[in-house]
Amino acid sequence: MADTKQVDEGADARQAAGDERRAARLAKEIAAFAKAHGGAEGQVAYIGQRGARIVLVGEDGGWGDLVAPTYAIAEKAVRRAGITVHEAFDGEFAARVKTGPYEWTRMAGIQVGGRRGA
């Protein structure tokens, strides 16, 4: 029984270390986005088995997103990056996103002249 416990603790330690590396890598990407866009704020959304989506909105209206393997890793990453995190992607926060022709054609597809199958 003691051997099993040691194996489990080793696996848990490796998992925790991997999660820390993932959070650090995401935090670095978030910080780079913030630097490129004059600052940034974000929102973390659970997307099921795929994990969590981190939506970023820059001070200049630029936006992007990242996907973390778990909600906990996403939360850790935004905390490390030091950005303000919103509970929901709505209201004044969502209104700061600037979209252009590319986003409109991708969102509407062929309805507004986008490419078929794009």
Protein backbone atom coordinates (compact mmCIF):
# COMPACT_ATOMS: atom_id res chain seq x y z
CA MET A 1 0.00 0.00 0.00
CA ALA A 2 2.85 2.42 0.78
CA ASP A 3 4.32 1.90 -2.71
CA THR A 4 1.05 2.92 -4.33
CA LYS A 5 0.85 6.09 -2.25
CA GLN A 6 4.37 7.12 -3.29
CA VAL A 7 3.55 6.56 -6.97
CA ASP A 8 0.33 8.61 -6.63
CA GLU A 9 2.19 11.45 -4.89
CA GLY A 10 4.82 11.44 -7.64
CA ALA A 11 2.16 11.60 -10.35
CA ASP A 12 0.36 14.41 -8.50
CA ALA A 13 3.61 16.36 -8.19
CA ARG A 14 4.33 15.96 -11.92
CA GLN A 15 0.78 17.07 -12.76
CA ALA A 16 1.10 20.12 -10.52
CA ALA A 17 4.45 21.05 -12.07
CA GLY A 18 2.99 20.70 -15.56
CA ASP A 19 0.03 22.89 -14.61
CA GLU A 20 2.42 25.54 -13.25
CA ARG A 21 4.38 25.53 -16.53
CA ARG A 22 1.20 25.86 -18.57
CA ALA A 23 -0.03 28.76 -16.41
CA ALA A 24 3.37 30.49 -16.68
CA ARG A 25 3.41 30.08 -20.46
CA LEU A 26 -0.13 31.49 -20.77
CA ALA A 27 0.71 34.37 -18.42
CA LYS A 28 3.69 35.23 -20.63
CA GLU A 29 1.43 35.29 -23.71
CA ILE A 30 -1.14 37.43 -21.89
CA ALA A 31 1.57 39.87 -20.79
CA ALA A 32 2.92 40.09 -24.36
CA PHE A 33 -0.60 40.84 -25.65
CA ALA A 34 -1.07 43.52 -22.98
CA LYS A 35 2.27 45.11 -23.85
CA ALA A 36 1.44 45.17 -27.57
CA HIS A 37 -2.00 46.72 -26.99
CA GLY A 38 -1.27 49.32 -24.29
CA GLY A 39 -2.70 47.14 -21.51
CA ALA A 40 -5.40 44.51 -21.42
CA GLU A 41 -8.34 43.15 -19.49
CA GLY A 42 -9.84 39.70 -19.79
CA GLN A 43 -12.60 37.24 -19.10
CA VAL A 44 -12.32 33.52 -18.41
CA ALA A 45 -15.07 31.21 -19.66
CA TYR A 46 -15.44 27.47 -19.09
CA ILE A 47 -15.74 25.67 -22.45
CA GLY A 48 -16.30 22.12 -21.27
CA GLN A 49 -13.83 19.28 -21.62
CA ARG A 50 -11.58 21.50 -23.72
CA GLY A 51 -10.87 23.68 -20.69
CA ALA A 52 -11.31 27.44 -20.48
CA ARG A 53 -11.13 30.32 -22.92
CA ILE A 54 -9.32 33.50 -21.92
CA VAL A 55 -10.67 36.43 -23.94
CA LEU A 56 -8.37 39.47 -23.95
CA VAL A 57 -9.29 43.03 -24.89
CA GLY A 58 -6.51 45.57 -25.29
CA GLU A 59 -6.72 49.23 -24.40
CA ASP A 60 -6.56 49.96 -28.14
CA GLY A 61 -9.60 47.76 -28.85
CA GLY A 62 -7.57 44.86 -30.21
CA TRP A 63 -8.68 41.47 -29.00
CA GLY A 64 -7.60 37.88 -28.92
CA ASP A 65 -8.10 34.69 -27.01
CA LEU A 66 -6.21 31.76 -25.58
CA VAL A 67 -7.38 28.34 -24.46
CA ALA A 68 -6.17 26.76 -21.22
CA PRO A 69 -6.58 23.04 -20.53
CA THR A 70 -8.49 23.75 -17.29
CA TYR A 71 -10.36 26.63 -15.70
CA ALA A 72 -7.95 26.58 -12.73
CA ILE A 73 -4.93 27.00 -15.03
CA ALA A 74 -6.66 29.88 -16.85
CA GLU A 75 -7.39 31.63 -13.55
CA LYS A 76 -3.81 31.16 -12.41
CA ALA A 77 -2.50 32.55 -15.70
CA VAL A 78 -4.57 35.76 -15.59
CA ARG A 79 -3.62 36.27 -11.95
CA ARG A 80 0.07 35.90 -12.81
CA ALA A 81 -0.26 38.27 -15.75
CA GLY A 82 -1.82 40.86 -13.44
CA ILE A 83 -4.71 41.86 -15.69
CA THR A 84 -8.20 42.87 -14.60
CA VAL A 85 -10.62 39.98 -15.08
CA HIS A 86 -14.33 40.51 -15.73
CA GLU A 87 -17.04 38.06 -14.70
CA ALA A 88 -18.80 38.28 -18.07
CA PHE A 89 -18.03 39.42 -21.59
CA ASP A 90 -20.71 42.07 -21.86
CA GLY A 91 -21.51 45.72 -21.42
CA GLU A 92 -18.75 48.31 -21.45
CA PHE A 93 -16.05 45.65 -21.57
CA ALA A 94 -17.40 44.03 -24.75
CA ALA A 95 -18.10 47.43 -26.32
CA ARG A 96 -14.35 48.22 -26.31
CA VAL A 97 -13.65 45.49 -28.89
CA LYS A 98 -12.88 46.95 -32.31
CA THR A 99 -13.79 44.75 -35.24
CA GLY A 100 -12.99 45.23 -38.87
CA PRO A 101 -14.12 43.83 -42.22
CA TYR A 102 -12.27 40.55 -41.64
CA GLU A 103 -14.19 39.77 -38.43
CA TRP A 104 -17.53 40.73 -39.96
CA THR A 105 -17.07 38.47 -42.98
CA ARG A 106 -15.84 35.59 -40.79
CA MET A 107 -18.77 35.95 -38.39
CA ALA A 108 -21.44 36.36 -41.07
CA GLY A 109 -19.87 34.06 -43.65
CA ILE A 110 -21.54 34.04 -47.02
CA GLN A 111 -24.43 36.16 -45.75
CA VAL A 112 -22.36 39.32 -46.26
CA GLY A 113 -20.08 38.14 -49.03
CA GLY A 114 -17.59 35.99 -47.14
CA ARG A 115 -15.94 33.03 -48.82
CA ARG A 116 -17.77 29.71 -48.89
CA GLY A 117 -16.30 27.21 -46.44
CA ALA A 118 -14.05 29.84 -44.86
